[in-house]
Amino acid sequence: MKIKKAVIPAAGLGTRVLPISKTIPKEMIPIVDKPAIQYIVEEAVAAGITDILIITNRGKGSIEDHFDHCVELESNLEKKGKFETLKQLNDIVGLANIQYVRQKETGGLGHAVLCAKSFVGDEPFAVLYGDDVILGDDPVIGQLCRAYEEFGRSAVGIKQVSDEDVQKYSSMKTAHIKHNYYFIDDMIEKPKKEQIFSNYSILGRCVLNPNIFKVLETIPKGVGDELQLTDAMKVIANTEGITGVDFIGKRYDIGNKFGIMQANIDVGLRHPEISEDLKAYIKQIAKQL
């Protein structure tokens, strides 16, 4: 079955990037001239996804505004003959059928995904974490959708991370299938050193069967006294197995100040309007380091 629906959890408080996230949702922090969440939506659309649910909470209204029309601004651009800019804004509005639901309590990633139950129905669906911008020629969520279609089971995007980071993220018990595909039959969220299965962690992308909701409704709260999506996926891995995809693409953690800077530099170096000026500036600065 083709994956047509995606969920983007974007309700986090963004405490790692304070003070800016006090007034600006971290998902709206710019990467050159687009907010981070636009890159995530564009990735989903490039993979053939048509319906997107963004999980928000109080103070995240600017996300909805960004993907909506601004009649006064559009009229002003039209009067001034700035038709290319006007087209860019209209293209944003027409990216996908985007809906929103508020996560009325901070209950963890699992709780955020559970808020999407009625939107998803009985279809498999993609999850793109709002903290993770992943750039590349082949959209990562599309790589996972192909894995789901080939193997008929849930799929997660994985990468090997450092010993330090695996304890911050998650650890997968893996067996190589072929190419960049792995069979996962166990996992753990934020493991202690003695609990680590491997240095493969889930980084920001999943394709899940709708039976994940039954699991989320029955499992206890986990790390941080929150409902953890990894704990629910562990149940699925133990009973059905999950495909791990060692994806191709570069991930930026935009819930992290250094990740935001990395993304801006890398995207800026490829941006047609500023790339040459930025290259020259970096070369100038490098002489002083």
Protein backbone atom coordinates (compact mmCIF):
# COMPACT_ATOMS: atom_id res chain seq x y z
CA MET A 1 0.00 0.00 0.00
CA LYS A 2 1.27 3.47 -0.90
CA ILE A 3 1.81 5.74 2.08
CA LYS A 4 -0.29 8.88 1.66
CA LYS A 5 -0.54 10.23 5.22
CA ALA A 6 2.13 11.71 7.46
CA VAL A 7 2.24 12.96 11.03
CA ILE A 8 4.69 15.65 12.14
CA PRO A 9 4.93 16.01 15.94
CA ALA A 10 5.77 19.68 16.56
CA ALA A 11 4.55 20.25 20.10
CA GLY A 12 7.89 20.21 21.93
CA LEU A 13 8.91 23.16 24.07
CA GLY A 14 12.33 23.61 22.48
CA THR A 15 14.15 24.06 25.78
CA ARG A 16 17.54 23.27 24.22
CA VAL A 17 17.35 26.37 22.01
CA LEU A 18 16.10 28.89 24.55
CA PRO A 19 15.77 31.84 24.67
CA ILE A 20 14.59 32.09 21.04
CA SER A 21 12.06 29.26 21.45
CA LYS A 22 10.29 31.27 24.17
CA THR A 23 8.51 33.26 21.44
CA ILE A 24 9.32 31.42 18.21
CA PRO A 25 8.53 27.71 17.84
CA LYS A 26 11.76 25.83 17.19
CA GLU A 27 10.13 24.38 14.06
CA MET A 28 9.88 27.96 12.72
CA ILE A 29 13.56 28.78 13.24
CA PRO A 30 14.88 29.72 9.79
CA ILE A 31 17.33 27.73 7.74
CA VAL A 32 18.41 30.54 5.44
CA ASP A 33 15.02 31.71 4.09
CA LYS A 34 12.63 28.90 5.04
CA PRO A 35 11.52 27.68 8.47
CA ALA A 36 12.77 24.25 9.47
CA ILE A 37 9.33 22.67 9.31
CA GLN A 38 8.93 23.62 5.65
CA TYR A 39 11.89 21.39 4.76
CA ILE A 40 10.17 18.53 6.62
CA VAL A 41 6.85 19.09 4.82
CA GLU A 42 8.63 19.32 1.47
CA GLU A 43 10.37 16.01 2.16
CA ALA A 44 7.03 14.33 2.79
CA VAL A 45 5.49 15.82 -0.35
CA ALA A 46 8.50 14.76 -2.46
CA ALA A 47 7.86 11.19 -1.27
CA GLY A 48 4.30 11.26 -2.59
CA ILE A 49 2.51 12.03 0.68
CA THR A 50 -0.64 14.12 0.18
CA ASP A 51 -2.16 14.49 3.67
CA ILE A 52 -0.20 15.81 6.64
CA LEU A 53 -1.20 16.27 10.27
CA ILE A 54 0.99 18.59 12.33
CA ILE A 55 0.74 18.11 16.11
CA THR A 56 1.08 21.50 17.80
CA ASN A 57 0.34 23.10 21.14
CA ARG A 58 -0.14 26.55 22.64
CA GLY A 59 2.12 29.20 21.11
CA LYS A 60 2.64 27.41 17.79
CA GLY A 61 0.10 29.35 15.73
CA SER A 62 2.82 30.72 13.46
CA ILE A 63 3.21 27.22 11.99
CA GLU A 64 -0.39 27.30 10.78
CA ASP A 65 0.03 30.87 9.52
CA HIS A 66 3.08 29.90 7.47
CA PHE A 67 1.19 27.31 5.44
CA ASP A 68 -1.84 29.59 4.93
CA HIS A 69 -2.58 32.55 2.67
CA CYS A 70 -1.70 36.09 3.77
CA VAL A 71 -4.05 38.13 1.60
CA GLU A 72 -2.60 41.54 2.43
CA LEU A 73 0.98 40.47 1.72
CA GLU A 74 0.05 38.64 -1.47
CA SER A 75 -1.92 41.66 -2.72
CA ASN A 76 1.05 43.92 -1.97
CA LEU A 77 3.44 41.65 -3.90
CA GLU A 78 1.06 41.52 -6.87
CA LYS A 79 0.75 45.32 -7.00
CA LYS A 80 4.54 45.65 -6.95
CA GLY A 81 4.93 43.08 -9.71
CA LYS A 82 6.91 40.66 -7.52
CA PHE A 83 5.33 37.65 -9.16
CA GLU A 84 8.17 35.19 -8.51
CA THR A 85 8.01 35.84 -4.77
CA LEU A 86 4.21 35.61 -4.91
CA LYS A 87 4.50 32.24 -6.64
CA GLN A 88 6.83 30.99 -3.90
CA LEU A 89 4.27 31.90 -1.24
CA ASN A 90 1.40 30.30 -3.14
CA ASP A 91 3.47 27.15 -3.65
CA ILE A 92 3.88 26.86 0.13
CA VAL A 93 0.12 27.02 0.65
CA GLY A 94 -0.44 24.35 -2.00
CA LEU A 95 2.18 21.86 -0.83
CA ALA A 96 -0.27 19.37 0.69
CA ASN A 97 -3.53 19.01 2.55
CA ILE A 98 -2.24 20.09 5.96
CA GLN A 99 -4.32 19.73 9.10
CA TYR A 100 -3.53 20.52 12.72
CA VAL A 101 -4.39 19.17 16.16
CA ARG A 102 -3.20 20.41 19.54
CA GLN A 103 -1.47 18.16 22.02
CA LYS A 104 -3.11 19.65 25.09
CA GLU A 105 -0.56 18.21 27.49
CA THR A 106 3.15 17.51 27.22
CA GLY A 107 2.92 13.74 27.27
CA GLY A 108 5.84 12.62 25.12
CA LEU A 109 6.30 11.61 21.49
CA GLY A 110 4.09 8.55 21.89
CA HIS A 111 1.24 10.70 23.19
CA ALA A 112 1.70 13.13 20.29
CA VAL A 113 1.41 10.30 17.76
CA LEU A 114 -1.63 8.95 19.60
CA CYS A 115 -3.30 12.32 18.96
CA ALA A 116 -3.24 11.39 15.24
CA LYS A 117 -5.36 8.24 15.62
CA SER A 118 -8.53 9.58 14.02
CA PHE A 119 -6.56 11.25 11.21
CA VAL A 120 -4.69 8.05 10.35
CA GLY A 121 -7.61 5.62 10.53
CA ASP A 122 -6.61 2.12 9.43
CA GLU A 123 -3.82 3.13 7.03
CA PRO A 124 -0.06 2.86 7.42
CA PHE A 125 1.45 6.29 7.94
CA ALA A 126 4.72 8.18 8.09
CA VAL A 127 6.09 10.02 11.10
CA LEU A 128 8.59 12.84 10.57
CA TYR A 129 9.95 14.19 13.85
CA GLY A 130 9.69 17.98 14.05
CA ASP A 131 13.22 18.25 15.50
CA ASP A 132 14.91 16.61 12.53
CA VAL A 133 15.58 18.18 9.14
CA ILE A 134 17.15 15.60 6.81
CA LEU A 135 18.37 16.78 3.43
CA GLY A 136 19.34 14.77 0.37
CA ASP A 137 18.42 14.05 -3.23
CA ASP A 138 16.24 11.07 -2.25
CA PRO A 139 13.73 12.01 0.49
CA VAL A 140 14.41 9.85 3.53
CA ILE A 141 10.75 9.22 4.28
CA GLY A 142 10.46 7.98 0.70
CA GLN A 143 13.26 5.48 1.37
CA LEU A 144 11.27 4.17 4.35
CA CYS A 145 8.04 4.02 2.34
CA ARG A 146 9.78 1.81 -0.22
CA ALA A 147 11.03 -0.46 2.58
CA TYR A 148 7.49 -0.73 3.94
CA GLU A 149 6.19 -1.67 0.49
CA GLU A 150 8.93 -4.27 -0.02
CA PHE A 151 8.83 -6.00 3.38
CA GLY A 152 5.27 -5.29 4.50
CA ARG A 153 6.17 -4.19 8.02
CA SER A 154 6.88 -0.97 9.89
CA ALA A 155 10.16 0.76 9.04
CA VAL A 156 12.43 3.16 10.90
CA GLY A 157 15.27 5.39 9.73
CA ILE A 158 18.47 4.47 11.53
CA LYS A 159 22.07 5.66 11.69
CA GLN A 160 25.08 4.67 13.74
CA VAL A 161 25.82 7.28 16.40
CA SER A 162 28.48 7.74 19.05
CA ASP A 163 28.51 5.84 22.35
CA GLU A 164 27.48 9.07 24.07
CA ASP A 165 24.61 9.83 21.68
CA VAL A 166 23.15 6.33 21.65
CA GLN A 167 22.39 6.78 25.35
CA LYS A 168 20.53 10.02 24.53
CA TYR A 169 18.53 8.47 21.69
CA SER A 170 17.75 4.77 21.36
CA SER A 171 19.50 1.49 20.56
CA MET A 172 18.41 -1.10 17.98
CA LYS A 173 19.01 -4.85 18.00
CA THR A 174 19.78 -5.43 14.34
CA ALA A 175 20.46 -8.23 11.85
CA HIS A 176 21.55 -7.33 8.33
CA ILE A 177 19.08 -8.24 5.57
CA LYS A 178 20.63 -6.74 2.43
CA HIS A 179 22.04 -3.46 1.18
CA ASN A 180 21.12 -0.82 3.80
CA TYR A 181 18.22 -2.84 5.26
CA TYR A 182 18.26 -4.42 8.74
CA PHE A 183 15.80 -6.58 10.66
CA ILE A 184 15.06 -5.18 14.11
CA ASP A 185 13.47 -7.37 16.77
CA ASP A 186 14.23 -5.30 19.86
CA MET A 187 15.08 -1.74 20.88
CA ILE A 188 15.37 0.45 23.94
CA GLU A 189 14.85 4.16 24.57
CA LYS A 190 17.75 6.07 26.17
CA PRO A 191 19.64 2.93 27.26
CA LYS A 192 22.17 2.73 30.02
CA LYS A 193 25.62 1.62 28.87
CA GLU A 194 25.01 -2.04 29.77
CA GLN A 195 21.66 -2.04 27.89
CA ILE A 196 22.99 -1.00 24.49
CA PHE A 197 22.18 -3.45 21.66
CA SER A 198 24.11 -1.54 18.97
CA ASN A 199 25.03 2.01 18.05
CA TYR A 200 22.16 2.18 15.58
CA SER A 201 19.56 4.72 16.71
CA ILE A 202 16.27 5.86 15.19
CA LEU A 203 16.83 9.35 13.84
CA GLY A 204 13.66 11.21 13.07
CA ARG A 205 11.73 9.07 10.58
CA CYS A 206 9.30 6.11 10.82
CA VAL A 207 6.61 4.40 8.78
CA LEU A 208 4.15 2.64 11.06
CA ASN A 209 1.20 0.30 10.86
CA PRO A 210 -1.96 1.65 12.52
CA ASN A 211 -1.75 -1.15 15.11
CA ILE A 212 0.77 1.11 16.87
CA PHE A 213 -2.22 2.95 18.38
CA LYS A 214 -3.45 -0.12 20.27
CA VAL A 215 0.02 -0.48 21.75
CA LEU A 216 0.24 3.20 22.70
CA GLU A 217 -3.11 2.93 24.47
CA THR A 218 -1.95 0.05 26.65
CA ILE A 219 1.74 0.51 27.48
CA PRO A 220 2.82 2.37 30.64
CA LYS A 221 4.69 5.66 30.58
CA GLY A 222 8.43 5.34 30.10
CA VAL A 223 11.52 7.56 30.35
CA GLY A 224 10.71 10.99 31.75
CA ASP A 225 7.29 9.77 32.88
CA GLU A 226 6.12 10.24 29.28
CA LEU A 227 4.52 7.95 26.72
CA GLN A 228 7.46 6.94 24.53
CA LEU A 229 6.98 6.02 20.88
CA THR A 230 10.11 3.86 21.07
CA ASP A 231 8.50 1.75 23.79
CA ALA A 232 5.51 1.10 21.53
CA MET A 233 7.75 0.29 18.58
CA LYS A 234 9.65 -2.13 20.82
CA VAL A 235 6.43 -4.13 21.26
CA ILE A 236 5.96 -4.18 17.48
CA ALA A 237 9.60 -5.21 16.98
CA ASN A 238 9.26 -8.04 19.52
CA THR A 239 6.09 -9.42 17.90
CA GLU A 240 6.27 -8.57 14.18
CA GLY A 241 9.73 -7.20 13.52
CA ILE A 242 10.61 -3.81 12.06
CA THR A 243 12.77 -2.92 9.07
CA GLY A 244 15.64 -0.58 9.83
CA VAL A 245 16.77 1.60 6.92
CA ASP A 246 20.29 3.01 7.18
CA PHE A 247 19.12 6.03 5.23
CA ILE A 248 20.97 8.23 2.78
CA GLY A 249 20.80 11.88 3.73
CA LYS A 250 22.28 14.41 6.14
CA ARG A 251 20.40 15.00 9.39
CA TYR A 252 20.33 18.26 11.28
CA ASP A 253 19.01 18.39 14.85
CA ILE A 254 17.19 21.72 14.85
CA GLY A 255 16.37 21.30 18.52
CA ASN A 256 20.10 21.91 19.06
CA LYS A 257 21.87 25.26 18.58
CA PHE A 258 24.85 23.75 16.76
CA GLY A 259 22.55 21.72 14.51
CA ILE A 260 20.77 24.92 13.48
CA MET A 261 24.08 26.56 12.62
CA GLN A 262 25.23 23.53 10.61
CA ALA A 263 22.01 23.52 8.61
CA ASN A 264 22.25 27.24 7.84
CA ILE A 265 25.84 26.97 6.67
CA ASP A 266 25.28 23.88 4.51
CA VAL A 267 22.07 25.16 2.93
CA GLY A 268 23.57 28.61 2.52
CA LEU A 269 26.54 27.19 0.62
CA ARG A 270 24.09 25.74 -1.92
CA HIS A 271 21.64 28.63 -2.03
CA PRO A 272 21.66 30.37 -5.44
CA GLU A 273 21.26 33.85 -3.97
CA ILE A 274 23.94 33.80 -1.28
CA SER A 275 26.29 30.88 -1.91
CA GLU A 276 29.14 32.86 -3.49
CA ASP A 277 29.05 35.60 -0.84
CA LEU A 278 28.92 33.02 1.94
CA LYS A 279 31.87 31.07 0.51
CA ALA A 280 33.92 34.25 0.33
CA TYR A 281 32.96 35.20 3.89
CA ILE A 282 33.84 31.77 5.28
CA LYS A 283 37.24 31.88 3.55
CA GLN A 284 37.83 35.32 5.06
CA ILE A 285 36.84 34.23 8.55
CA ALA A 286 38.88 31.00 8.28
CA LYS A 287 42.07 33.04 8.00
CA GLN A 288 41.42 34.44 11.46
CA LEU A 289 40.80 31.10 13.17
